[in-house]
Amino acid sequence: MNERQTYRCDSCNCEAKFIRSSADDRTNPRCKCGAQMKKFYSKPAVRRMSAEIETIAVAKTNRN
């Protein structure tokens, strides 16, 4: 479990946001009802590149 991730319980719809990583990163956290929580899904967002980053990307592409 990484820092600043949101988890949601499927059985009671409880939601929790974790600000620190746990000692055991291999398991998902458990809800107060006992069910295992899953990561909250958020759709990927399309972002516009800034002019500076776009210039660097074009320059690298033109080099090859």
PDB file of N, CA and C in Angstrom:
ATOM      1  N   MET A   1       0.851  -1.169   0.000  1.00  0.00           N
ATOM      2  CA  MET A   1       0.000   0.000   0.000  1.00  0.00           C
ATOM      3  C   MET A   1       0.901   1.238   0.000  1.00  0.00           C
ATOM      4  N   ASN A   2       0.711   2.074  -0.964  1.00  0.00           N
ATOM      5  CA  ASN A   2       1.508   3.292  -1.089  1.00  0.00           C
ATOM      6  C   ASN A   2       0.879   4.445  -0.331  1.00  0.00           C
ATOM      7  N   GLU A   3       1.633   5.507  -0.206  1.00  0.00           N
ATOM      8  CA  GLU A   3       1.130   6.690   0.483  1.00  0.00           C
ATOM      9  C   GLU A   3       0.055   7.389  -0.336  1.00  0.00           C
ATOM     10  N   ARG A   4      -0.875   8.021   0.351  1.00  0.00           N
ATOM     11  CA  ARG A   4      -1.942   8.832  -0.243  1.00  0.00           C
ATOM     12  C   ARG A   4      -2.797   8.075  -1.255  1.00  0.00           C
ATOM     13  N   GLN A   5      -3.178   6.846  -0.904  1.00  0.00           N
ATOM     14  CA  GLN A   5      -4.077   6.070  -1.747  1.00  0.00           C
ATOM     15  C   GLN A   5      -5.417   5.920  -1.057  1.00  0.00           C
ATOM     16  N   THR A   6      -6.474   5.904  -1.854  1.00  0.00           N
ATOM     17  CA  THR A   6      -7.818   5.760  -1.326  1.00  0.00           C
ATOM     18  C   THR A   6      -8.301   4.341  -1.556  1.00  0.00           C
ATOM     19  N   TYR A   7      -8.860   3.729  -0.510  1.00  0.00           N
ATOM     20  CA  TYR A   7      -9.395   2.373  -0.586  1.00  0.00           C
ATOM     21  C   TYR A   7     -10.874   2.409  -0.245  1.00  0.00           C
ATOM     22  N   ARG A   8     -11.642   1.487  -0.857  1.00  0.00           N
ATOM     23  CA  ARG A   8     -13.085   1.429  -0.631  1.00  0.00           C
ATOM     24  C   ARG A   8     -13.487  -0.012  -0.329  1.00  0.00           C
ATOM     25  N   CYS A   9     -14.431  -0.159   0.602  1.00  0.00           N
ATOM     26  CA  CYS A   9     -14.975  -1.467   0.973  1.00  0.00           C
ATOM     27  C   CYS A   9     -16.167  -1.768   0.068  1.00  0.00           C
ATOM     28  N   ASP A  10     -16.197  -2.959  -0.520  1.00  0.00           N
ATOM     29  CA  ASP A  10     -17.301  -3.333  -1.407  1.00  0.00           C
ATOM     30  C   ASP A  10     -18.571  -3.674  -0.643  1.00  0.00           C
ATOM     31  N   SER A  11     -18.436  -4.149   0.578  1.00  0.00           N
ATOM     32  CA  SER A  11     -19.631  -4.596   1.294  1.00  0.00           C
ATOM     33  C   SER A  11     -20.387  -3.455   1.984  1.00  0.00           C
ATOM     34  N   CYS A  12     -19.688  -2.491   2.586  1.00  0.00           N
ATOM     35  CA  CYS A  12     -20.399  -1.412   3.293  1.00  0.00           C
ATOM     36  C   CYS A  12     -20.146  -0.028   2.687  1.00  0.00           C
ATOM     37  N   ASN A  13     -19.411   0.042   1.575  1.00  0.00           N
ATOM     38  CA  ASN A  13     -19.081   1.286   0.876  1.00  0.00           C
ATOM     39  C   ASN A  13     -18.324   2.294   1.741  1.00  0.00           C
ATOM     40  N   CYS A  14     -17.638   1.813   2.749  1.00  0.00           N
ATOM     41  CA  CYS A  14     -16.792   2.658   3.585  1.00  0.00           C
ATOM     42  C   CYS A  14     -15.557   3.037   2.760  1.00  0.00           C
ATOM     43  N   GLU A  15     -15.038   4.245   2.939  1.00  0.00           N
ATOM     44  CA  GLU A  15     -13.889   4.715   2.182  1.00  0.00           C
ATOM     45  C   GLU A  15     -12.832   5.231   3.140  1.00  0.00           C
ATOM     46  N   ALA A  16     -11.565   4.909   2.852  1.00  0.00           N
ATOM     47  CA  ALA A  16     -10.466   5.355   3.709  1.00  0.00           C
ATOM     48  C   ALA A  16      -9.310   5.824   2.845  1.00  0.00           C
ATOM     49  N   LYS A  17      -8.655   6.918   3.262  1.00  0.00           N
ATOM     50  CA  LYS A  17      -7.484   7.428   2.568  1.00  0.00           C
ATOM     51  C   LYS A  17      -6.288   7.257   3.493  1.00  0.00           C
ATOM     52  N   PHE A  18      -5.261   6.570   3.014  1.00  0.00           N
ATOM     53  CA  PHE A  18      -4.090   6.289   3.825  1.00  0.00           C
ATOM     54  C   PHE A  18      -2.987   7.266   3.485  1.00  0.00           C
ATOM     55  N   ILE A  19      -2.424   7.882   4.510  1.00  0.00           N
ATOM     56  CA  ILE A  19      -1.400   8.891   4.285  1.00  0.00           C
ATOM     57  C   ILE A  19       0.008   8.359   4.505  1.00  0.00           C
ATOM     58  N   ARG A  20       0.125   7.196   5.126  1.00  0.00           N
ATOM     59  CA  ARG A  20       1.436   6.564   5.292  1.00  0.00           C
ATOM     60  C   ARG A  20       1.364   5.133   4.812  1.00  0.00           C
ATOM     61  N   SER A  21       2.484   4.622   4.293  1.00  0.00           N
ATOM     62  CA  SER A  21       2.495   3.236   3.843  1.00  0.00           C
ATOM     63  C   SER A  21       2.565   2.308   5.050  1.00  0.00           C
ATOM     64  N   SER A  22       2.010   1.123   4.893  1.00  0.00           N
ATOM     65  CA  SER A  22       1.985   0.164   5.997  1.00  0.00           C
ATOM     66  C   SER A  22       3.271  -0.645   6.012  1.00  0.00           C
ATOM     67  N   ALA A  23       3.471  -1.388   7.082  1.00  0.00           N
ATOM     68  CA  ALA A  23       4.641  -2.248   7.201  1.00  0.00           C
ATOM     69  C   ALA A  23       4.522  -3.429   6.246  1.00  0.00           C
ATOM     70  N   ASP A  24       3.290  -3.918   6.025  1.00  0.00           N
ATOM     71  CA  ASP A  24       3.066  -5.046   5.133  1.00  0.00           C
ATOM     72  C   ASP A  24       2.397  -4.539   3.862  1.00  0.00           C
ATOM     73  N   ASP A  25       3.186  -4.326   2.816  1.00  0.00           N
ATOM     74  CA  ASP A  25       2.670  -3.756   1.570  1.00  0.00           C
ATOM     75  C   ASP A  25       1.972  -4.782   0.685  1.00  0.00           C
ATOM     76  N   ARG A  26       2.015  -6.046   1.046  1.00  0.00           N
ATOM     77  CA  ARG A  26       1.485  -7.082   0.151  1.00  0.00           C
ATOM     78  C   ARG A  26      -0.011  -7.308   0.298  1.00  0.00           C
ATOM     79  N   THR A  27      -0.616  -6.851   1.362  1.00  0.00           N
ATOM     80  CA  THR A  27      -2.040  -7.105   1.565  1.00  0.00           C
ATOM     81  C   THR A  27      -2.819  -5.793   1.569  1.00  0.00           C
ATOM     82  N   ASN A  28      -4.074  -5.893   1.133  1.00  0.00           N
ATOM     83  CA  ASN A  28      -4.957  -4.724   1.187  1.00  0.00           C
ATOM     84  C   ASN A  28      -5.441  -4.535   2.618  1.00  0.00           C
ATOM     85  N   PRO A  29      -5.751  -3.307   3.007  1.00  0.00           N
ATOM     86  CA  PRO A  29      -6.240  -3.070   4.371  1.00  0.00           C
ATOM     87  C   PRO A  29      -7.632  -3.666   4.568  1.00  0.00           C
ATOM     88  N   ARG A  30      -7.997  -3.868   5.815  1.00  0.00           N
ATOM     89  CA  ARG A  30      -9.316  -4.404   6.143  1.00  0.00           C
ATOM     90  C   ARG A  30     -10.202  -3.283   6.678  1.00  0.00           C
ATOM     91  N   CYS A  31     -11.479  -3.388   6.341  1.00  0.00           N
ATOM     92  CA  CYS A  31     -12.475  -2.421   6.778  1.00  0.00           C
ATOM     93  C   CYS A  31     -12.895  -2.730   8.214  1.00  0.00           C
ATOM     94  N   LYS A  32     -13.637  -1.821   8.828  1.00  0.00           N
ATOM     95  CA  LYS A  32     -14.144  -2.053  10.184  1.00  0.00           C
ATOM     96  C   LYS A  32     -15.134  -3.202  10.225  1.00  0.00           C
ATOM     97  N   CYS A  33     -15.772  -3.526   9.060  1.00  0.00           N
ATOM     98  CA  CYS A  33     -16.703  -4.661   9.000  1.00  0.00           C
ATOM     99  C   CYS A  33     -15.969  -5.981   8.790  1.00  0.00           C
ATOM    100  N   GLY A  34     -14.654  -5.943   8.525  1.00  0.00           N
ATOM    101  CA  GLY A  34     -13.857  -7.151   8.370  1.00  0.00           C
ATOM    102  C   GLY A  34     -13.541  -7.516   6.934  1.00  0.00           C
ATOM    103  N   ALA A  35     -14.205  -6.879   5.973  1.00  0.00           N
ATOM    104  CA  ALA A  35     -13.964  -7.180   4.565  1.00  0.00           C
ATOM    105  C   ALA A  35     -12.678  -6.508   4.089  1.00  0.00           C
ATOM    106  N   GLN A  36     -12.075  -7.094   3.065  1.00  0.00           N
ATOM    107  CA  GLN A  36     -10.863  -6.522   2.504  1.00  0.00           C
ATOM    108  C   GLN A  36     -11.225  -5.347   1.600  1.00  0.00           C
ATOM    109  N   MET A  37     -10.508  -4.238   1.751  1.00  0.00           N
ATOM    110  CA  MET A  37     -10.781  -3.042   0.957  1.00  0.00           C
ATOM    111  C   MET A  37      -9.989  -3.088  -0.343  1.00  0.00           C
ATOM    112  N   LYS A  38     -10.492  -2.408  -1.371  1.00  0.00           N
ATOM    113  CA  LYS A  38      -9.831  -2.349  -2.670  1.00  0.00           C
ATOM    114  C   LYS A  38      -9.524  -0.911  -3.021  1.00  0.00           C
ATOM    115  N   LYS A  39      -8.522  -0.725  -3.900  1.00  0.00           N
ATOM    116  CA  LYS A  39      -8.157   0.626  -4.324  1.00  0.00           C
ATOM    117  C   LYS A  39      -9.316   1.270  -5.060  1.00  0.00           C
ATOM    118  N   PHE A  40      -9.497   2.547  -4.811  1.00  0.00           N
ATOM    119  CA  PHE A  40     -10.519   3.332  -5.484  1.00  0.00           C
ATOM    120  C   PHE A  40     -10.052   3.587  -6.908  1.00  0.00           C
ATOM    121  N   TYR A  41     -10.910   3.325  -7.888  1.00  0.00           N
ATOM    122  CA  TYR A  41     -10.558   3.526  -9.293  1.00  0.00           C
ATOM    123  C   TYR A  41     -10.868   4.951  -9.709  1.00  0.00           C
ATOM    124  N   SER A  42      -9.914   5.570 -10.322  1.00  0.00           N
ATOM    125  CA  SER A  42     -10.149   6.890 -10.905  1.00  0.00           C
ATOM    126  C   SER A  42      -9.711   6.833 -12.365  1.00  0.00           C
ATOM    127  N   LYS A  43     -10.559   7.343 -13.242  1.00  0.00           N
ATOM    128  CA  LYS A  43     -10.271   7.304 -14.668  1.00  0.00           C
ATOM    129  C   LYS A  43      -9.028   8.127 -14.981  1.00  0.00           C
ATOM    130  N   PRO A  44      -8.227   7.660 -15.941  1.00  0.00           N
ATOM    131  CA  PRO A  44      -7.072   8.461 -16.347  1.00  0.00           C
ATOM    132  C   PRO A  44      -7.526   9.765 -16.990  1.00  0.00           C
ATOM    133  N   ALA A  45      -6.801  10.814 -16.730  1.00  0.00           N
ATOM    134  CA  ALA A  45      -7.159  12.125 -17.276  1.00  0.00           C
ATOM    135  C   ALA A  45      -6.135  12.544 -18.325  1.00  0.00           C
ATOM    136  N   VAL A  46      -6.606  13.140 -19.383  1.00  0.00           N
ATOM    137  CA  VAL A  46      -5.724  13.663 -20.421  1.00  0.00           C
ATOM    138  C   VAL A  46      -5.325  15.076 -20.017  1.00  0.00           C
ATOM    139  N   ARG A  47      -4.027  15.290 -19.988  1.00  0.00           N
ATOM    140  CA  ARG A  47      -3.528  16.616 -19.616  1.00  0.00           C
ATOM    141  C   ARG A  47      -2.755  17.214 -20.770  1.00  0.00           C
ATOM    142  N   ARG A  48      -2.813  18.493 -20.898  1.00  0.00           N
ATOM    143  CA  ARG A  48      -2.068  19.193 -21.937  1.00  0.00           C
ATOM    144  C   ARG A  48      -0.653  19.461 -21.439  1.00  0.00           C
ATOM    145  N   MET A  49       0.318  19.197 -22.308  1.00  0.00           N
ATOM    146  CA  MET A  49       1.708  19.444 -21.934  1.00  0.00           C
ATOM    147  C   MET A  49       1.978  20.939 -21.942  1.00  0.00           C
ATOM    148  N   SER A  50       2.832  21.365 -21.031  1.00  0.00           N
ATOM    149  CA  SER A  50       3.221  22.778 -21.038  1.00  0.00           C
ATOM    150  C   SER A  50       4.117  23.032 -22.244  1.00  0.00           C
ATOM    151  N   ALA A  51       4.255  24.262 -22.637  1.00  0.00           N
ATOM    152  CA  ALA A  51       5.035  24.617 -23.826  1.00  0.00           C
ATOM    153  C   ALA A  51       6.492  24.187 -23.682  1.00  0.00           C
ATOM    154  N   GLU A  52       7.027  24.299 -22.486  1.00  0.00           N
ATOM    155  CA  GLU A  52       8.433  23.940 -22.252  1.00  0.00           C
ATOM    156  C   GLU A  52       8.651  22.434 -22.448  1.00  0.00           C
ATOM    157  N   ILE A  53       7.787  21.625 -21.878  1.00  0.00           N
ATOM    158  CA  ILE A  53       7.912  20.173 -22.003  1.00  0.00           C
ATOM    159  C   ILE A  53       7.656  19.738 -23.439  1.00  0.00           C
ATOM    160  N   GLU A  54       6.708  20.386 -24.104  1.00  0.00           N
ATOM    161  CA  GLU A  54       6.403  20.058 -25.493  1.00  0.00           C
ATOM    162  C   GLU A  54       7.608  20.355 -26.384  1.00  0.00           C
ATOM    163  N   THR A  55       8.303  21.441 -26.140  1.00  0.00           N
ATOM    164  CA  THR A  55       9.495  21.802 -26.914  1.00  0.00           C
ATOM    165  C   THR A  55      10.590  20.761 -26.726  1.00  0.00           C
ATOM    166  N   ILE A  56      10.780  20.295 -25.507  1.00  0.00           N
ATOM    167  CA  ILE A  56      11.798  19.274 -25.228  1.00  0.00           C
ATOM    168  C   ILE A  56      11.438  17.962 -25.917  1.00  0.00           C
ATOM    169  N   ALA A  57      10.170  17.588 -25.873  1.00  0.00           N
ATOM    170  CA  ALA A  57       9.732  16.342 -26.501  1.00  0.00           C
ATOM    171  C   ALA A  57       9.924  16.400 -28.012  1.00  0.00           C
ATOM    172  N   VAL A  58       9.612  17.519 -28.637  1.00  0.00           N
ATOM    173  CA  VAL A  58       9.778  17.682 -30.088  1.00  0.00           C
ATOM    174  C   VAL A  58      11.260  17.652 -30.436  1.00  0.00           C
ATOM    175  N   ALA A  59      12.097  18.292 -29.631  1.00  0.00           N
ATOM    176  CA  ALA A  59      13.531  18.308 -29.890  1.00  0.00           C
ATOM    177  C   ALA A  59      14.115  16.900 -29.816  1.00  0.00           C
ATOM    178  N   LYS A  60      13.680  16.103 -28.854  1.00  0.00           N
ATOM    179  CA  LYS A  60      14.184  14.730 -28.727  1.00  0.00           C
ATOM    180  C   LYS A  60      13.720  13.877 -29.907  1.00  0.00           C
ATOM    181  N   THR A  61      12.520  14.100 -30.390  1.00  0.00           N
ATOM    182  CA  THR A  61      11.991  13.336 -31.509  1.00  0.00           C
ATOM    183  C   THR A  61      12.734  13.679 -32.796  1.00  0.00           C
ATOM    184  N   ASN A  62      13.060  14.949 -32.982  1.00  0.00           N
ATOM    185  CA  ASN A  62      13.757  15.380 -34.186  1.00  0.00           C
ATOM    186  C   ASN A  62      15.204  14.912 -34.228  1.00  0.00           C
ATOM    187  N   ARG A  63      15.796  14.637 -33.071  1.00  0.00           N
ATOM    188  CA  ARG A  63      17.175  14.160 -33.001  1.00  0.00           C
ATOM    189  C   ARG A  63      17.311  12.768 -33.607  1.00  0.00           C
ATOM    190  N   ASN A  64      16.305  11.955 -33.431  1.00  0.00           N
ATOM    191  CA  ASN A  64      16.391  10.551 -33.898  1.00  0.00           C
ATOM    192  C   ASN A  64      16.099  10.447 -35.319  1.00  0.00           C
TER     193      ASN A  64
END
